[in-house]
């Protein structure tokens, strides 16, 4: 029974206790209808490639200027298109805040089709390989922690960190510094575009050490 409840929490299906307050803005305005899923699935990767190039959307920077190996920004190659699309929409709508406002400003210039095309382009790229030697000293990845009502990461992100459940992101091979900062932001409420507060609830129970260990673990997965 505990395992079933943990899975519901992770998937954001545990009922109204996890829902956003009715008086507050929703955490995201993306509703995954069949029509929306098909729209993202039909994104034009070739147009997405053009959009990544410098100067194509009223900016002097290309996506690679910020999303590269030397930055703390996330790797995008091989990420789930639905996840990327949702993040772009959330940035545009202000549901996800970039402290530097760069992503909010940039996303504000994108149309719905632009976002689907960019998501399709990055989704078709080969994912960056991890550093290798992954091991999980926390046990949270595969088992979770029933005493803290902490679900296993794998129940949502997949046994290999590949991502699943429509817009649950791929974590395997992602930069450790980005993953660590993301979990800290969820824990501190600085990031709040997770539906049903699912990641905020999960991260709120993690220690600094556990967050660092989880980030290192996923960065090493292929």
N, C-alpha and C. Protein backbone atom coordinates (compact mmCIF):
# COMPACT_ATOMS: atom_id res chain seq x y z
N UNK A 1 0.82 -1.20 0.00
CA UNK A 1 0.00 0.00 0.00
C UNK A 1 0.86 1.26 0.00
N UNK A 2 1.97 1.24 0.81
CA UNK A 2 2.85 2.39 0.85
C UNK A 2 3.46 2.67 -0.52
N UNK A 3 3.87 1.58 -1.19
CA UNK A 3 4.48 1.75 -2.51
C UNK A 3 3.51 2.35 -3.50
N UNK A 4 2.24 1.94 -3.40
CA UNK A 4 1.22 2.47 -4.30
C UNK A 4 1.01 3.96 -4.06
N UNK A 5 0.96 4.36 -2.77
CA UNK A 5 0.77 5.76 -2.44
C UNK A 5 1.94 6.62 -2.89
N UNK A 6 3.17 6.08 -2.73
CA UNK A 6 4.36 6.81 -3.15
C UNK A 6 4.33 7.07 -4.65
N UNK A 7 3.90 6.06 -5.40
CA UNK A 7 3.83 6.22 -6.85
C UNK A 7 2.82 7.29 -7.23
N UNK A 8 1.68 7.33 -6.50
CA UNK A 8 0.67 8.34 -6.78
C UNK A 8 1.20 9.74 -6.51
N UNK A 9 1.95 9.88 -5.41
CA UNK A 9 2.53 11.18 -5.09
C UNK A 9 3.47 11.61 -6.21
N UNK A 10 4.33 10.70 -6.65
CA UNK A 10 5.32 11.03 -7.68
C UNK A 10 4.66 11.42 -8.99
N UNK A 11 3.54 10.80 -9.29
CA UNK A 11 2.86 11.08 -10.55
C UNK A 11 1.88 12.24 -10.43
N UNK A 12 1.75 12.77 -9.21
CA UNK A 12 0.83 13.88 -9.04
C UNK A 12 -0.62 13.47 -9.09
N UNK A 13 -0.92 12.22 -8.64
CA UNK A 13 -2.28 11.71 -8.73
C UNK A 13 -2.87 11.38 -7.36
N UNK A 14 -2.26 11.87 -6.30
CA UNK A 14 -2.68 11.46 -4.96
C UNK A 14 -3.88 12.24 -4.46
N UNK A 15 -4.48 13.09 -5.27
CA UNK A 15 -5.72 13.72 -4.84
C UNK A 15 -5.54 15.18 -4.51
N UNK A 16 -6.59 15.80 -3.99
CA UNK A 16 -6.59 17.24 -3.79
C UNK A 16 -5.58 17.76 -2.79
N UNK A 17 -5.04 16.89 -1.92
CA UNK A 17 -4.07 17.38 -0.95
C UNK A 17 -2.83 17.93 -1.63
N UNK A 18 -2.57 17.52 -2.87
CA UNK A 18 -1.39 17.98 -3.58
C UNK A 18 -1.71 19.05 -4.62
N UNK A 19 -2.96 19.38 -4.76
CA UNK A 19 -3.35 20.33 -5.79
C UNK A 19 -2.96 21.75 -5.40
N UNK A 20 -2.84 22.62 -6.41
CA UNK A 20 -2.56 24.01 -6.15
C UNK A 20 -3.79 24.66 -5.51
N UNK A 21 -3.59 25.61 -4.59
CA UNK A 21 -4.73 26.31 -4.00
C UNK A 21 -5.58 26.96 -5.08
N UNK A 22 -6.91 26.90 -4.91
CA UNK A 22 -7.80 27.39 -5.95
C UNK A 22 -7.65 28.89 -6.17
N UNK A 23 -7.18 29.62 -5.15
CA UNK A 23 -7.05 31.07 -5.27
C UNK A 23 -5.74 31.49 -5.92
N UNK A 24 -4.83 30.55 -6.08
CA UNK A 24 -3.51 30.86 -6.62
C UNK A 24 -3.46 30.57 -8.11
N UNK A 25 -2.45 31.14 -8.76
CA UNK A 25 -2.21 30.83 -10.15
C UNK A 25 -1.81 29.36 -10.28
N UNK A 26 -2.19 28.68 -11.37
CA UNK A 26 -1.74 27.29 -11.54
C UNK A 26 -0.24 27.24 -11.73
N UNK A 27 0.36 26.11 -11.34
CA UNK A 27 1.82 25.98 -11.46
C UNK A 27 2.26 25.94 -12.92
N UNK A 28 1.36 25.55 -13.81
CA UNK A 28 1.62 25.51 -15.24
C UNK A 28 0.30 25.60 -15.98
N UNK A 29 0.32 26.24 -17.14
CA UNK A 29 -0.90 26.36 -17.93
C UNK A 29 -0.94 25.36 -19.08
N UNK A 30 0.02 24.43 -19.08
CA UNK A 30 0.05 23.39 -20.11
C UNK A 30 -0.87 22.26 -19.69
N UNK A 31 -1.86 21.97 -20.50
CA UNK A 31 -2.79 20.86 -20.26
C UNK A 31 -2.54 19.80 -21.32
N UNK A 32 -2.17 18.60 -20.87
CA UNK A 32 -1.78 17.56 -21.82
C UNK A 32 -3.00 16.82 -22.36
N UNK A 33 -3.70 17.47 -23.26
CA UNK A 33 -4.78 16.82 -23.99
C UNK A 33 -4.16 16.01 -25.14
N UNK A 34 -4.95 15.13 -25.72
CA UNK A 34 -4.49 14.35 -26.87
C UNK A 34 -4.10 15.29 -28.01
N UNK A 35 -4.87 16.33 -28.19
CA UNK A 35 -4.58 17.30 -29.24
C UNK A 35 -3.23 17.97 -29.01
N UNK A 36 -2.95 18.34 -27.77
CA UNK A 36 -1.68 18.99 -27.45
C UNK A 36 -0.50 18.04 -27.63
N UNK A 37 -0.67 16.80 -27.21
CA UNK A 37 0.39 15.80 -27.38
C UNK A 37 0.71 15.59 -28.85
N UNK A 38 -0.32 15.51 -29.67
CA UNK A 38 -0.11 15.34 -31.11
C UNK A 38 0.55 16.56 -31.73
N UNK A 39 0.20 17.74 -31.24
CA UNK A 39 0.79 18.98 -31.73
C UNK A 39 2.30 18.98 -31.49
N UNK A 40 2.71 18.62 -30.27
CA UNK A 40 4.13 18.58 -29.95
C UNK A 40 4.84 17.48 -30.73
N UNK A 41 4.17 16.34 -30.88
CA UNK A 41 4.74 15.21 -31.61
C UNK A 41 5.04 15.58 -33.06
N UNK A 42 4.25 16.48 -33.62
CA UNK A 42 4.41 16.87 -35.02
C UNK A 42 5.32 18.08 -35.20
N UNK A 43 6.05 18.46 -34.16
CA UNK A 43 6.99 19.57 -34.27
C UNK A 43 7.99 19.36 -35.39
N UNK A 44 8.36 20.42 -36.07
CA UNK A 44 9.26 20.34 -37.22
C UNK A 44 10.70 20.55 -36.76
N UNK A 45 11.47 19.48 -36.72
CA UNK A 45 12.85 19.54 -36.22
C UNK A 45 13.74 20.41 -37.09
N UNK A 46 13.48 20.43 -38.39
CA UNK A 46 14.30 21.26 -39.28
C UNK A 46 14.11 22.75 -38.98
N UNK A 47 12.86 23.14 -38.76
CA UNK A 47 12.61 24.52 -38.36
C UNK A 47 13.21 24.80 -36.99
N UNK A 48 13.17 23.80 -36.12
CA UNK A 48 13.76 23.95 -34.80
C UNK A 48 15.25 24.21 -34.88
N UNK A 49 15.92 23.54 -35.80
CA UNK A 49 17.36 23.74 -35.99
C UNK A 49 17.65 25.18 -36.41
N UNK A 50 16.84 25.70 -37.31
CA UNK A 50 17.01 27.08 -37.76
C UNK A 50 16.83 28.05 -36.60
N UNK A 51 15.86 27.76 -35.74
CA UNK A 51 15.58 28.64 -34.61
C UNK A 51 16.71 28.66 -33.59
N UNK A 52 17.51 27.61 -33.54
CA UNK A 52 18.61 27.58 -32.58
C UNK A 52 19.77 28.46 -33.02
N UNK A 53 19.78 28.87 -34.28
CA UNK A 53 20.91 29.64 -34.80
C UNK A 53 20.84 31.10 -34.39
N UNK A 54 21.97 31.74 -34.35
CA UNK A 54 22.10 33.12 -33.89
C UNK A 54 21.22 34.09 -34.69
N UNK A 55 20.55 34.97 -33.96
CA UNK A 55 19.82 36.06 -34.59
C UNK A 55 18.48 35.70 -35.17
N UNK A 56 17.99 34.47 -34.99
CA UNK A 56 16.75 34.08 -35.64
C UNK A 56 15.50 34.52 -34.87
N UNK A 57 15.65 34.82 -33.57
CA UNK A 57 14.49 35.24 -32.80
C UNK A 57 14.82 36.52 -32.03
N UNK A 58 15.16 37.56 -32.74
CA UNK A 58 15.43 38.87 -32.16
C UNK A 58 16.48 38.79 -31.05
N UNK A 59 17.48 38.00 -31.24
CA UNK A 59 18.54 37.87 -30.24
C UNK A 59 19.86 37.65 -30.95
N UNK A 60 20.92 38.06 -30.33
CA UNK A 60 22.25 37.89 -30.93
C UNK A 60 22.87 36.56 -30.53
N UNK A 61 22.17 35.81 -29.69
CA UNK A 61 22.74 34.57 -29.20
C UNK A 61 22.03 33.36 -29.79
N UNK A 62 22.79 32.29 -29.96
CA UNK A 62 22.20 31.00 -30.33
C UNK A 62 21.96 30.22 -29.03
N UNK A 63 21.18 29.16 -29.12
CA UNK A 63 20.93 28.33 -27.94
C UNK A 63 22.25 27.80 -27.37
N UNK A 64 23.17 27.43 -28.26
CA UNK A 64 24.44 26.84 -27.84
C UNK A 64 25.33 27.82 -27.10
N UNK A 65 25.09 29.11 -27.25
CA UNK A 65 25.88 30.10 -26.51
C UNK A 65 25.68 29.96 -25.01
N UNK A 66 24.51 29.52 -24.63
CA UNK A 66 24.21 29.35 -23.20
C UNK A 66 24.18 27.88 -22.79
N UNK A 67 23.68 27.02 -23.67
CA UNK A 67 23.57 25.60 -23.35
C UNK A 67 24.77 24.86 -23.96
N UNK A 68 25.89 24.93 -23.24
CA UNK A 68 27.11 24.28 -23.72
C UNK A 68 27.80 23.58 -22.56
N UNK A 69 28.89 22.91 -22.85
CA UNK A 69 29.56 22.08 -21.84
C UNK A 69 30.17 22.90 -20.70
N UNK A 70 30.50 24.15 -20.94
CA UNK A 70 31.19 24.94 -19.92
C UNK A 70 30.23 25.72 -19.01
N UNK A 71 28.97 25.74 -19.35
CA UNK A 71 28.00 26.50 -18.56
C UNK A 71 27.32 25.59 -17.53
N UNK A 72 26.61 26.21 -16.60
CA UNK A 72 25.83 25.44 -15.62
C UNK A 72 24.40 25.23 -16.10
N UNK A 73 24.10 25.68 -17.32
CA UNK A 73 22.77 25.50 -17.88
C UNK A 73 22.61 24.06 -18.36
N UNK A 74 21.37 23.59 -18.45
CA UNK A 74 21.16 22.16 -18.76
C UNK A 74 21.54 21.77 -20.17
N UNK A 75 21.92 20.51 -20.33
CA UNK A 75 22.07 19.93 -21.66
C UNK A 75 20.67 19.65 -22.20
N UNK A 76 20.47 19.95 -23.46
CA UNK A 76 19.16 19.80 -24.07
C UNK A 76 19.07 18.60 -25.01
N UNK A 77 20.20 18.17 -25.55
CA UNK A 77 20.19 17.07 -26.52
C UNK A 77 19.57 15.81 -25.92
N UNK A 78 18.63 15.22 -26.66
CA UNK A 78 18.03 13.96 -26.25
C UNK A 78 16.96 14.09 -25.19
N UNK A 79 16.61 15.33 -24.82
CA UNK A 79 15.57 15.52 -23.80
C UNK A 79 14.19 15.25 -24.40
N UNK A 80 13.24 14.86 -23.57
CA UNK A 80 11.89 14.58 -24.05
C UNK A 80 11.26 15.84 -24.64
N UNK A 81 10.74 15.78 -25.87
CA UNK A 81 10.13 16.96 -26.48
C UNK A 81 9.00 17.55 -25.64
N UNK A 82 8.18 16.70 -25.04
CA UNK A 82 7.07 17.21 -24.23
C UNK A 82 7.59 18.01 -23.04
N UNK A 83 8.68 17.56 -22.44
CA UNK A 83 9.26 18.29 -21.31
C UNK A 83 9.80 19.64 -21.77
N UNK A 84 10.56 19.65 -22.87
CA UNK A 84 11.12 20.90 -23.37
C UNK A 84 10.02 21.89 -23.76
N UNK A 85 9.00 21.39 -24.41
CA UNK A 85 7.88 22.24 -24.81
C UNK A 85 7.24 22.88 -23.58
N UNK A 86 6.97 22.07 -22.57
CA UNK A 86 6.34 22.59 -21.35
C UNK A 86 7.19 23.66 -20.68
N UNK A 87 8.50 23.45 -20.63
CA UNK A 87 9.37 24.44 -19.98
C UNK A 87 9.36 25.76 -20.75
N UNK A 88 9.37 25.69 -22.06
CA UNK A 88 9.33 26.92 -22.86
C UNK A 88 8.02 27.67 -22.65
N UNK A 89 6.92 26.93 -22.63
CA UNK A 89 5.62 27.56 -22.38
C UNK A 89 5.59 28.18 -20.99
N UNK A 90 6.11 27.45 -20.00
CA UNK A 90 6.12 27.97 -18.63
C UNK A 90 6.99 29.22 -18.51
N UNK A 91 8.12 29.24 -19.21
CA UNK A 91 8.95 30.44 -19.21
C UNK A 91 8.19 31.61 -19.84
N UNK A 92 7.53 31.35 -20.95
CA UNK A 92 6.79 32.40 -21.64
C UNK A 92 5.67 32.95 -20.78
N UNK A 93 4.96 32.07 -20.08
CA UNK A 93 3.83 32.48 -19.25
C UNK A 93 4.25 33.00 -17.88
N UNK A 94 5.53 32.81 -17.53
CA UNK A 94 6.01 33.25 -16.22
C UNK A 94 5.81 32.25 -15.11
N UNK A 95 5.35 31.04 -15.44
CA UNK A 95 5.19 30.01 -14.41
C UNK A 95 6.54 29.47 -13.95
N UNK A 96 7.53 29.56 -14.81
CA UNK A 96 8.90 29.25 -14.41
C UNK A 96 9.73 30.51 -14.57
N UNK A 97 10.45 30.86 -13.51
CA UNK A 97 11.22 32.09 -13.50
C UNK A 97 12.71 31.80 -13.68
N UNK A 98 13.32 32.51 -14.60
CA UNK A 98 14.77 32.50 -14.74
C UNK A 98 15.30 33.69 -13.95
N UNK A 99 16.16 33.48 -12.94
CA UNK A 99 16.67 34.59 -12.13
C UNK A 99 17.26 35.72 -12.97
N UNK A 100 17.89 35.35 -14.08
CA UNK A 100 18.48 36.38 -14.95
C UNK A 100 17.47 36.90 -15.98
N UNK A 101 16.29 36.29 -16.01
CA UNK A 101 15.21 36.65 -16.94
C UNK A 101 15.53 36.35 -18.40
N UNK A 102 16.67 35.74 -18.66
CA UNK A 102 17.07 35.47 -20.05
C UNK A 102 16.08 34.56 -20.75
N UNK A 103 15.74 33.44 -20.09
CA UNK A 103 14.83 32.48 -20.72
C UNK A 103 13.42 33.03 -20.81
N UNK A 104 12.99 33.81 -19.84
CA UNK A 104 11.66 34.40 -19.91
C UNK A 104 11.57 35.39 -21.08
N UNK A 105 12.60 36.20 -21.25
CA UNK A 105 12.63 37.15 -22.37
C UNK A 105 12.67 36.43 -23.71
N UNK A 106 13.51 35.41 -23.78
CA UNK A 106 13.68 34.70 -25.04
C UNK A 106 12.39 33.94 -25.41
N UNK A 107 11.80 33.24 -24.41
CA UNK A 107 10.59 32.47 -24.68
C UNK A 107 9.42 33.36 -25.06
N UNK A 108 9.43 34.60 -24.58
CA UNK A 108 8.33 35.51 -24.90
C UNK A 108 8.24 35.80 -26.39
N UNK A 109 9.33 35.57 -27.11
CA UNK A 109 9.37 35.83 -28.56
C UNK A 109 8.92 34.62 -29.38
N UNK A 110 8.69 33.49 -28.71
CA UNK A 110 8.37 32.26 -29.42
C UNK A 110 6.87 32.04 -29.58
N UNK A 111 6.49 31.51 -30.72
CA UNK A 111 5.11 31.08 -30.93
C UNK A 111 4.96 29.64 -30.44
N UNK A 112 3.72 29.18 -30.37
CA UNK A 112 3.48 27.78 -29.99
C UNK A 112 4.20 26.84 -30.95
N UNK A 113 4.17 27.17 -32.24
CA UNK A 113 4.83 26.31 -33.22
C UNK A 113 6.34 26.35 -33.05
N UNK A 114 6.90 27.53 -32.78
CA UNK A 114 8.33 27.64 -32.52
C UNK A 114 8.74 26.69 -31.40
N UNK A 115 7.97 26.67 -30.33
CA UNK A 115 8.32 25.85 -29.17
C UNK A 115 8.24 24.36 -29.49
N UNK A 116 7.23 23.97 -30.23
CA UNK A 116 7.12 22.57 -30.64
C UNK A 116 8.27 22.18 -31.56
N UNK A 117 8.68 23.09 -32.44
CA UNK A 117 9.77 22.80 -33.37
C UNK A 117 11.11 22.69 -32.65
N UNK A 118 11.37 23.58 -31.70
CA UNK A 118 12.60 23.50 -30.91
C UNK A 118 12.65 22.21 -30.10
N UNK A 119 11.51 21.86 -29.50
CA UNK A 119 11.44 20.63 -28.71
C UNK A 119 11.71 19.41 -29.59
N UNK A 120 11.17 19.42 -30.81
CA UNK A 120 11.38 18.30 -31.73
C UNK A 120 12.84 18.20 -32.13
N UNK A 121 13.48 19.35 -32.38
CA UNK A 121 14.88 19.34 -32.78
C UNK A 121 15.77 18.73 -31.70
N UNK A 122 15.65 19.22 -30.49
CA UNK A 122 16.51 18.71 -29.42
C UNK A 122 16.16 17.27 -29.06
N UNK A 123 14.89 16.93 -29.18
CA UNK A 123 14.49 15.55 -28.90
C UNK A 123 15.09 14.54 -29.85
N UNK A 124 15.44 14.98 -31.06
CA UNK A 124 16.03 14.09 -32.05
C UNK A 124 17.55 13.98 -31.95
N UNK A 125 18.16 14.82 -31.15
CA UNK A 125 19.62 14.78 -31.01
C UNK A 125 20.02 13.65 -30.07
N UNK A 126 21.21 13.13 -30.29
CA UNK A 126 21.72 12.07 -29.41
C UNK A 126 21.99 12.65 -28.03
N UNK A 127 21.52 11.96 -27.01
CA UNK A 127 21.73 12.43 -25.64
C UNK A 127 23.21 12.36 -25.28
N UNK A 128 23.68 13.29 -24.48
CA UNK A 128 25.06 13.28 -24.03
C UNK A 128 25.29 12.10 -23.09
N UNK A 129 26.37 11.35 -23.29
CA UNK A 129 26.63 10.21 -22.39
C UNK A 129 27.05 10.69 -21.01
N UNK A 130 26.73 9.89 -20.00
CA UNK A 130 27.15 10.20 -18.64
C UNK A 130 28.63 9.94 -18.44
N UNK A 131 29.11 10.32 -17.25
CA UNK A 131 30.53 10.17 -16.94
C UNK A 131 30.90 8.74 -16.59
N UNK A 132 29.91 7.90 -16.31
CA UNK A 132 30.17 6.50 -15.96
C UNK A 132 30.44 6.32 -14.47
N UNK A 133 30.28 5.08 -14.01
CA UNK A 133 30.55 4.75 -12.61
C UNK A 133 29.46 5.17 -11.65
N UNK A 134 28.20 5.18 -12.12
CA UNK A 134 27.09 5.63 -11.29
C UNK A 134 26.79 4.64 -10.17
N UNK A 135 26.62 5.13 -8.96
CA UNK A 135 26.15 4.33 -7.83
C UNK A 135 25.35 5.23 -6.92
N UNK A 136 24.29 4.69 -6.33
CA UNK A 136 23.38 5.50 -5.54
C UNK A 136 23.51 5.17 -4.05
N UNK A 137 24.29 5.93 -3.29
CA UNK A 137 24.45 5.66 -1.87
C UNK A 137 23.21 6.01 -1.05
N UNK A 138 22.27 6.77 -1.64
CA UNK A 138 21.09 7.18 -0.89
C UNK A 138 20.01 6.10 -0.86
N UNK A 139 19.96 5.26 -1.89
CA UNK A 139 18.89 4.27 -2.01
C UNK A 139 17.59 4.86 -2.49
N UNK A 140 17.54 6.18 -2.64
CA UNK A 140 16.30 6.85 -3.01
C UNK A 140 15.96 6.61 -4.48
N UNK A 141 16.97 6.44 -5.31
CA UNK A 141 16.72 6.28 -6.75
C UNK A 141 15.82 5.08 -7.03
N UNK A 142 16.16 3.94 -6.48
CA UNK A 142 15.42 2.71 -6.83
C UNK A 142 14.39 2.29 -5.79
N UNK A 143 14.56 2.71 -4.54
CA UNK A 143 13.69 2.22 -3.46
C UNK A 143 12.85 3.34 -2.85
N UNK A 144 13.43 4.51 -2.71
CA UNK A 144 12.75 5.58 -2.01
C UNK A 144 12.94 5.46 -0.51
N UNK A 145 12.14 6.16 0.24
CA UNK A 145 12.22 6.11 1.70
C UNK A 145 10.81 6.17 2.27
N UNK A 146 10.29 5.01 2.63
CA UNK A 146 8.91 4.93 3.13
C UNK A 146 8.68 5.71 4.39
N UNK A 147 9.69 5.82 5.24
CA UNK A 147 9.53 6.54 6.50
C UNK A 147 9.27 8.03 6.28
N UNK A 148 9.82 8.54 5.21
CA UNK A 148 9.62 9.96 4.89
C UNK A 148 8.58 10.14 3.79
N UNK A 149 7.93 9.07 3.39
CA UNK A 149 6.99 9.11 2.27
C UNK A 149 7.66 9.67 1.02
N UNK A 150 8.90 9.24 0.82
CA UNK A 150 9.70 9.69 -0.32
C UNK A 150 9.67 8.62 -1.41
N UNK A 151 9.08 8.91 -2.58
CA UNK A 151 9.02 7.90 -3.64
C UNK A 151 10.38 7.69 -4.29
N UNK A 152 10.54 6.54 -4.91
CA UNK A 152 11.76 6.26 -5.66
C UNK A 152 11.81 7.17 -6.90
N UNK A 153 12.96 7.74 -7.17
CA UNK A 153 13.12 8.58 -8.37
C UNK A 153 12.76 7.81 -9.63
N UNK A 154 13.10 6.52 -9.63
CA UNK A 154 12.90 5.68 -10.82
C UNK A 154 11.43 5.48 -11.14
N UNK A 155 10.54 5.66 -10.16
CA UNK A 155 9.12 5.44 -10.42
C UNK A 155 8.56 6.48 -11.38
N UNK A 156 9.22 7.62 -11.50
CA UNK A 156 8.79 8.65 -12.45
C UNK A 156 9.81 8.85 -13.58
N UNK A 157 11.10 8.83 -13.23
CA UNK A 157 12.14 9.14 -14.22
C UNK A 157 12.69 7.91 -14.92
N UNK A 158 12.18 6.72 -14.58
CA UNK A 158 12.62 5.50 -15.25
C UNK A 158 13.84 4.89 -14.59
N UNK A 159 13.97 3.59 -14.74
CA UNK A 159 15.07 2.87 -14.11
C UNK A 159 16.44 3.29 -14.59
N UNK A 160 16.52 3.85 -15.79
CA UNK A 160 17.80 4.30 -16.34
C UNK A 160 17.87 5.81 -16.45
N UNK A 161 16.96 6.50 -15.77
CA UNK A 161 16.95 7.96 -15.83
C UNK A 161 16.55 8.51 -17.17
N UNK A 162 15.83 7.71 -17.95
CA UNK A 162 15.52 8.08 -19.34
C UNK A 162 14.35 9.06 -19.45
N UNK A 163 13.59 9.23 -18.38
CA UNK A 163 12.44 10.11 -18.44
C UNK A 163 11.23 9.42 -19.03
N UNK A 164 10.06 9.77 -18.57
CA UNK A 164 8.82 9.17 -19.06
C UNK A 164 7.62 9.91 -18.49
N UNK A 165 6.44 9.31 -18.61
CA UNK A 165 5.20 9.91 -18.10
C UNK A 165 4.92 11.28 -18.70
N UNK A 166 4.95 11.36 -19.98
CA UNK A 166 4.62 12.54 -20.78
C UNK A 166 5.70 13.63 -20.69
N UNK A 167 5.85 14.28 -19.52
CA UNK A 167 6.81 15.38 -19.47
C UNK A 167 7.76 15.27 -18.29
N UNK A 168 8.02 14.05 -17.83
CA UNK A 168 9.02 13.83 -16.79
C UNK A 168 10.38 13.76 -17.47
N UNK A 169 11.31 14.64 -17.14
CA UNK A 169 12.53 14.80 -17.94
C UNK A 169 13.52 13.65 -17.83
N UNK A 170 14.33 13.54 -18.86
CA UNK A 170 15.49 12.67 -18.83
C UNK A 170 16.52 13.27 -17.89
N UNK A 171 17.07 12.45 -17.00
CA UNK A 171 18.10 12.90 -16.05
C UNK A 171 19.47 12.30 -16.37
N UNK A 172 19.49 11.17 -17.04
CA UNK A 172 20.75 10.48 -17.32
C UNK A 172 21.68 11.36 -18.15
N UNK A 173 22.91 11.54 -17.66
CA UNK A 173 23.90 12.32 -18.38
C UNK A 173 23.76 13.82 -18.22
N UNK A 174 22.77 14.27 -17.46
CA UNK A 174 22.59 15.71 -17.25
C UNK A 174 23.70 16.24 -16.34
N UNK A 175 24.01 17.50 -16.44
CA UNK A 175 25.07 18.10 -15.63
C UNK A 175 24.72 18.04 -14.15
N UNK A 176 25.68 17.62 -13.33
CA UNK A 176 25.46 17.50 -11.90
C UNK A 176 25.12 18.85 -11.29
N UNK A 177 25.81 19.89 -11.72
CA UNK A 177 25.57 21.22 -11.14
C UNK A 177 24.16 21.70 -11.44
N UNK A 178 23.66 21.39 -12.62
CA UNK A 178 22.29 21.79 -12.96
C UNK A 178 21.28 21.01 -12.13
N UNK A 179 21.47 19.70 -12.03
CA UNK A 179 20.55 18.88 -11.25
C UNK A 179 20.53 19.30 -9.79
N UNK A 180 21.72 19.56 -9.24
CA UNK A 180 21.79 19.99 -7.84
C UNK A 180 21.07 21.32 -7.64
N UNK A 181 21.33 22.27 -8.52
CA UNK A 181 20.67 23.58 -8.39
C UNK A 181 19.16 23.47 -8.56
N UNK A 182 18.72 22.57 -9.44
CA UNK A 182 17.29 22.39 -9.67
C UNK A 182 16.61 21.84 -8.43
N UNK A 183 17.20 20.82 -7.82
CA UNK A 183 16.61 20.25 -6.61
C UNK A 183 16.60 21.26 -5.47
N UNK A 184 17.66 22.04 -5.36
CA UNK A 184 17.70 23.08 -4.33
C UNK A 184 16.61 24.13 -4.58
N UNK A 185 16.42 24.49 -5.84
CA UNK A 185 15.38 25.48 -6.17
C UNK A 185 13.99 24.94 -5.84
N UNK A 186 13.76 23.67 -6.14
CA UNK A 186 12.47 23.07 -5.77
C UNK A 186 12.31 23.06 -4.25
N UNK A 187 13.35 22.68 -3.55
CA UNK A 187 13.27 22.58 -2.08
C UNK A 187 12.98 23.94 -1.45
N UNK A 188 13.58 24.98 -2.02
CA UNK A 188 13.43 26.33 -1.45
C UNK A 188 12.25 27.09 -2.04
N UNK A 189 11.52 26.44 -2.97
CA UNK A 189 10.36 27.09 -3.57
C UNK A 189 10.69 28.12 -4.61
N UNK A 190 11.93 28.16 -5.07
CA UNK A 190 12.32 29.11 -6.10
C UNK A 190 11.83 28.66 -7.48
N UNK A 191 11.60 27.38 -7.63
CA UNK A 191 11.01 26.85 -8.85
C UNK A 191 9.69 26.20 -8.48
N UNK A 192 8.63 26.57 -9.19
CA UNK A 192 7.30 26.11 -8.77
C UNK A 192 6.40 25.78 -9.95
N UNK A 193 6.98 25.31 -11.05
CA UNK A 193 6.13 24.95 -12.20
C UNK A 193 5.90 23.45 -12.28
N UNK A 194 6.05 22.76 -11.15
CA UNK A 194 5.76 21.33 -11.07
C UNK A 194 4.30 21.12 -10.68
N UNK A 195 3.57 20.43 -11.51
CA UNK A 195 2.14 20.22 -11.27
C UNK A 195 1.94 19.41 -10.00
N UNK A 196 0.95 19.80 -9.19
CA UNK A 196 0.64 19.18 -7.90
C UNK A 196 1.78 19.32 -6.89
N UNK A 197 2.71 20.23 -7.14
CA UNK A 197 3.85 20.46 -6.23
C UNK A 197 4.68 19.20 -6.01
N UNK A 198 4.65 18.27 -6.95
CA UNK A 198 5.25 16.96 -6.71
C UNK A 198 6.74 17.04 -6.45
N UNK A 199 7.48 17.84 -7.24
CA UNK A 199 8.92 17.91 -7.01
C UNK A 199 9.25 18.76 -5.79
N UNK A 200 8.44 19.76 -5.50
CA UNK A 200 8.68 20.54 -4.29
C UNK A 200 8.50 19.69 -3.04
N UNK A 201 7.49 18.82 -3.06
CA UNK A 201 7.27 17.93 -1.91
C UNK A 201 8.42 16.94 -1.76
N UNK A 202 8.87 16.39 -2.86
CA UNK A 202 9.96 15.42 -2.82
C UNK A 202 11.25 16.08 -2.36
N UNK A 203 11.60 17.21 -2.97
CA UNK A 203 12.86 17.88 -2.65
C UNK A 203 12.88 18.43 -1.22
N UNK A 204 11.70 18.76 -0.68
CA UNK A 204 11.65 19.33 0.66
C UNK A 204 12.15 18.37 1.73
N UNK A 205 12.21 17.08 1.41
CA UNK A 205 12.63 16.07 2.38
C UNK A 205 14.08 15.64 2.20
N UNK A 206 14.75 16.21 1.22
CA UNK A 206 16.12 15.81 0.92
C UNK A 206 17.13 16.73 1.61
N UNK A 207 18.19 16.13 2.12
CA UNK A 207 19.27 16.92 2.72
C UNK A 207 20.18 17.45 1.62
N UNK A 208 21.05 18.39 1.98
CA UNK A 208 22.03 18.90 1.03
C UNK A 208 22.88 17.77 0.47
N UNK A 209 23.29 16.86 1.33
CA UNK A 209 24.15 15.75 0.91
C UNK A 209 23.41 14.82 -0.05
N UNK A 210 22.16 14.51 0.25
CA UNK A 210 21.38 13.63 -0.63
C UNK A 210 21.19 14.28 -2.00
N UNK A 211 20.93 15.57 -2.02
CA UNK A 211 20.76 16.28 -3.29
C UNK A 211 22.04 16.21 -4.11
N UNK A 212 23.15 16.44 -3.47
CA UNK A 212 24.44 16.38 -4.18
C UNK A 212 24.70 14.96 -4.70
N UNK A 213 24.40 13.95 -3.89
CA UNK A 213 24.64 12.56 -4.29
C UNK A 213 23.73 12.16 -5.45
N UNK A 214 22.47 12.57 -5.41
CA UNK A 214 21.55 12.25 -6.50
C UNK A 214 21.98 12.94 -7.80
N UNK A 215 22.43 14.18 -7.70
CA UNK A 215 22.88 14.90 -8.89
C UNK A 215 24.09 14.22 -9.51
N UNK A 216 25.02 13.79 -8.68
CA UNK A 216 26.21 13.09 -9.17
C UNK A 216 25.83 11.76 -9.80
N UNK A 217 24.90 11.05 -9.16
CA UNK A 217 24.48 9.75 -9.68
C UNK A 217 23.92 9.87 -11.10
N UNK A 218 22.98 10.78 -11.28
CA UNK A 218 22.35 10.89 -12.60
C UNK A 218 23.31 11.46 -13.65
N UNK A 219 24.24 12.29 -13.23
CA UNK A 219 25.21 12.82 -14.20
C UNK A 219 26.12 11.73 -14.75
N UNK A 220 26.25 10.64 -14.02
CA UNK A 220 27.13 9.55 -14.45
C UNK A 220 26.42 8.47 -15.27
N UNK A 221 25.09 8.51 -15.28
CA UNK A 221 24.34 7.51 -16.05
C UNK A 221 24.46 7.76 -17.54
N UNK A 222 24.58 6.68 -18.32
CA UNK A 222 24.61 6.81 -19.78
C UNK A 222 23.18 6.89 -20.31
